[in-house]
N, C-alpha and C. Protein backbone atom coordinates (compact mmCIF):
# COMPACT_ATOMS: atom_id res chain seq x y z
N GLU A 1 -31.22 8.61 28.31
CA GLU A 1 -30.36 7.47 28.00
C GLU A 1 -30.23 7.37 26.48
N GLU A 2 -29.00 7.20 26.02
CA GLU A 2 -28.75 7.11 24.59
C GLU A 2 -29.05 5.71 24.06
N ASP A 3 -29.63 5.66 22.87
CA ASP A 3 -29.82 4.36 22.24
C ASP A 3 -28.77 4.22 21.13
N ALA A 4 -28.81 3.12 20.42
CA ALA A 4 -27.81 2.84 19.39
C ALA A 4 -27.82 3.90 18.30
N ASP A 5 -28.99 4.38 17.92
CA ASP A 5 -29.08 5.41 16.88
C ASP A 5 -28.38 6.69 17.31
N ASP A 6 -28.54 7.07 18.57
CA ASP A 6 -27.87 8.26 19.09
C ASP A 6 -26.36 8.09 19.07
N LEU A 7 -25.88 6.91 19.44
CA LEU A 7 -24.44 6.65 19.45
C LEU A 7 -23.86 6.71 18.04
N VAL A 8 -24.57 6.14 17.08
CA VAL A 8 -24.11 6.18 15.69
C VAL A 8 -24.11 7.62 15.19
N ARG A 9 -25.15 8.37 15.46
CA ARG A 9 -25.24 9.76 15.05
C ARG A 9 -24.12 10.59 15.67
N ASP A 10 -23.85 10.38 16.95
CA ASP A 10 -22.76 11.10 17.62
C ASP A 10 -21.42 10.77 16.97
N PHE A 11 -21.20 9.50 16.67
CA PHE A 11 -19.96 9.09 16.02
C PHE A 11 -19.82 9.78 14.67
N GLN A 12 -20.88 9.77 13.88
CA GLN A 12 -20.84 10.39 12.56
C GLN A 12 -20.60 11.89 12.64
N ASP A 13 -21.15 12.54 13.65
CA ASP A 13 -20.95 13.97 13.83
C ASP A 13 -19.53 14.31 14.26
N GLU A 14 -18.95 13.47 15.09
CA GLU A 14 -17.65 13.77 15.69
C GLU A 14 -16.46 13.25 14.88
N TYR A 15 -16.64 12.20 14.11
CA TYR A 15 -15.53 11.60 13.34
C TYR A 15 -15.11 12.53 12.22
N GLN A 16 -13.81 12.84 12.15
CA GLN A 16 -13.28 13.74 11.15
C GLN A 16 -12.45 13.04 10.08
N GLY A 17 -11.98 11.85 10.37
CA GLY A 17 -11.20 11.11 9.39
C GLY A 17 -9.97 10.48 10.00
N GLN A 18 -9.17 9.87 9.12
CA GLN A 18 -7.94 9.20 9.55
C GLN A 18 -6.76 9.98 8.98
N TYR A 19 -5.77 10.24 9.83
CA TYR A 19 -4.62 11.06 9.46
C TYR A 19 -3.35 10.45 10.03
N ASN A 20 -2.23 10.79 9.42
CA ASN A 20 -0.94 10.30 9.90
C ASN A 20 -0.62 10.83 11.29
N ASP A 21 -0.98 12.08 11.53
CA ASP A 21 -0.71 12.72 12.82
C ASP A 21 -1.56 13.98 12.93
N GLU A 22 -1.46 14.67 14.04
CA GLU A 22 -2.24 15.87 14.28
C GLU A 22 -1.88 16.98 13.29
N GLU A 23 -0.61 17.07 12.95
CA GLU A 23 -0.15 18.10 12.01
C GLU A 23 -0.74 17.87 10.61
N ASP A 24 -0.88 16.62 10.21
CA ASP A 24 -1.49 16.28 8.93
C ASP A 24 -2.94 16.77 8.88
N PHE A 25 -3.66 16.59 9.98
CA PHE A 25 -5.03 17.09 10.07
C PHE A 25 -5.05 18.61 9.99
N ALA A 26 -4.16 19.27 10.70
CA ALA A 26 -4.08 20.73 10.69
C ALA A 26 -3.82 21.25 9.27
N TYR A 27 -2.95 20.56 8.55
CA TYR A 27 -2.65 20.95 7.17
C TYR A 27 -3.93 20.89 6.33
N GLU A 28 -4.72 19.84 6.49
CA GLU A 28 -5.96 19.72 5.72
C GLU A 28 -6.95 20.81 6.08
N ILE A 29 -7.04 21.16 7.36
CA ILE A 29 -7.93 22.25 7.78
C ILE A 29 -7.55 23.54 7.06
N ILE A 30 -6.26 23.83 7.03
CA ILE A 30 -5.79 25.05 6.35
C ILE A 30 -6.15 25.00 4.87
N GLU A 31 -5.92 23.85 4.23
CA GLU A 31 -6.21 23.71 2.80
C GLU A 31 -7.70 23.90 2.51
N GLU A 32 -8.57 23.36 3.36
CA GLU A 32 -10.01 23.38 3.11
C GLU A 32 -10.70 24.67 3.55
N CYS A 33 -10.19 25.29 4.60
CA CYS A 33 -10.93 26.40 5.22
C CYS A 33 -10.33 27.78 5.00
N TYR A 34 -9.10 27.84 4.60
CA TYR A 34 -8.43 29.14 4.47
C TYR A 34 -7.81 29.25 3.09
N GLU A 35 -7.79 30.44 2.56
CA GLU A 35 -7.22 30.67 1.24
C GLU A 35 -5.86 31.36 1.38
N LEU A 36 -4.90 30.61 1.91
CA LEU A 36 -3.56 31.15 2.04
C LEU A 36 -2.84 31.08 0.70
N PRO A 37 -2.15 32.14 0.33
CA PRO A 37 -1.32 32.06 -0.88
C PRO A 37 -0.21 31.02 -0.66
N ASP A 38 0.25 30.43 -1.74
CA ASP A 38 1.28 29.38 -1.63
C ASP A 38 2.50 29.85 -0.86
N PHE A 39 2.94 31.09 -1.09
CA PHE A 39 4.14 31.55 -0.38
C PHE A 39 3.90 31.61 1.13
N ALA A 40 2.67 31.94 1.55
CA ALA A 40 2.36 32.04 2.98
C ALA A 40 2.34 30.67 3.64
N LYS A 41 1.95 29.65 2.87
CA LYS A 41 1.90 28.29 3.42
C LYS A 41 3.28 27.81 3.84
N THR A 42 4.32 28.30 3.19
CA THR A 42 5.68 27.88 3.56
C THR A 42 6.10 28.46 4.90
N TYR A 43 5.46 29.55 5.32
CA TYR A 43 5.79 30.18 6.60
C TYR A 43 4.85 29.77 7.73
N PHE A 44 3.74 29.13 7.38
CA PHE A 44 2.73 28.79 8.37
C PHE A 44 3.23 27.68 9.29
N ASP A 45 3.00 27.82 10.58
CA ASP A 45 3.46 26.83 11.56
C ASP A 45 2.34 25.82 11.84
N TYR A 46 2.32 24.75 11.04
CA TYR A 46 1.28 23.73 11.16
C TYR A 46 1.36 23.00 12.49
N GLU A 47 2.55 22.84 13.02
CA GLU A 47 2.70 22.15 14.30
C GLU A 47 2.00 22.91 15.43
N LYS A 48 2.22 24.22 15.48
CA LYS A 48 1.58 25.02 16.53
C LYS A 48 0.08 25.13 16.31
N PHE A 49 -0.34 25.23 15.05
CA PHE A 49 -1.77 25.27 14.76
C PHE A 49 -2.43 23.97 15.21
N ALA A 50 -1.78 22.84 14.94
CA ALA A 50 -2.30 21.54 15.36
C ALA A 50 -2.41 21.48 16.88
N ARG A 51 -1.38 21.96 17.56
CA ARG A 51 -1.41 21.96 19.03
C ARG A 51 -2.63 22.72 19.54
N ASP A 52 -2.90 23.87 18.94
CA ASP A 52 -4.05 24.67 19.36
C ASP A 52 -5.37 23.95 19.05
N LEU A 53 -5.46 23.34 17.88
CA LEU A 53 -6.69 22.61 17.52
C LEU A 53 -6.98 21.49 18.50
N PHE A 54 -5.93 20.77 18.91
CA PHE A 54 -6.12 19.59 19.74
C PHE A 54 -6.10 19.89 21.24
N MET A 55 -6.00 21.16 21.60
CA MET A 55 -6.12 21.53 23.01
C MET A 55 -7.55 21.34 23.50
N CYS A 56 -8.52 21.72 22.67
CA CYS A 56 -9.92 21.68 23.12
C CYS A 56 -10.89 21.17 22.05
N ASP A 57 -10.63 21.47 20.80
CA ASP A 57 -11.63 21.25 19.75
C ASP A 57 -11.65 19.85 19.15
N TYR A 58 -10.51 19.17 19.16
CA TYR A 58 -10.39 17.85 18.54
C TYR A 58 -9.57 16.93 19.42
N TRP A 59 -9.69 15.62 19.17
CA TRP A 59 -8.81 14.65 19.83
C TRP A 59 -8.38 13.61 18.82
N PHE A 60 -7.20 13.05 19.06
CA PHE A 60 -6.53 12.15 18.12
C PHE A 60 -6.25 10.84 18.84
N ASP A 61 -6.60 9.72 18.20
CA ASP A 61 -6.33 8.41 18.79
C ASP A 61 -5.98 7.43 17.69
N ASP A 62 -4.75 6.96 17.68
CA ASP A 62 -4.29 5.92 16.77
C ASP A 62 -4.62 6.23 15.31
N GLY A 63 -4.42 7.49 14.92
CA GLY A 63 -4.63 7.89 13.54
C GLY A 63 -6.01 8.42 13.23
N PHE A 64 -6.93 8.36 14.19
CA PHE A 64 -8.29 8.83 13.97
C PHE A 64 -8.52 10.16 14.68
N VAL A 65 -9.19 11.08 14.00
CA VAL A 65 -9.47 12.40 14.57
C VAL A 65 -10.97 12.54 14.79
N PHE A 66 -11.30 13.07 15.98
CA PHE A 66 -12.69 13.30 16.34
C PHE A 66 -12.84 14.73 16.85
N ARG A 67 -13.99 15.31 16.58
CA ARG A 67 -14.32 16.62 17.13
C ARG A 67 -14.73 16.39 18.58
N ALA A 68 -14.23 17.22 19.47
CA ALA A 68 -14.59 17.10 20.89
C ALA A 68 -16.06 17.45 21.05
N ALA A 69 -16.74 16.65 21.83
CA ALA A 69 -18.20 16.85 22.02
C ALA A 69 -18.46 17.95 23.01
């Protein structure tokens, strides 16, 4: 059985931040995790990348992004 400390810890582990939409989050992931040259970023499909991220790994609710547990 989870206690309050476990719930807070789970929230802190899963909470990723607040974003305008799923694509905004995907853009930040690309900026932070990948070293794409500027010219390549103009060709990158952030919408499709976001769709893939939110299929299983993350969920979005009212501007908040969480990592799927």
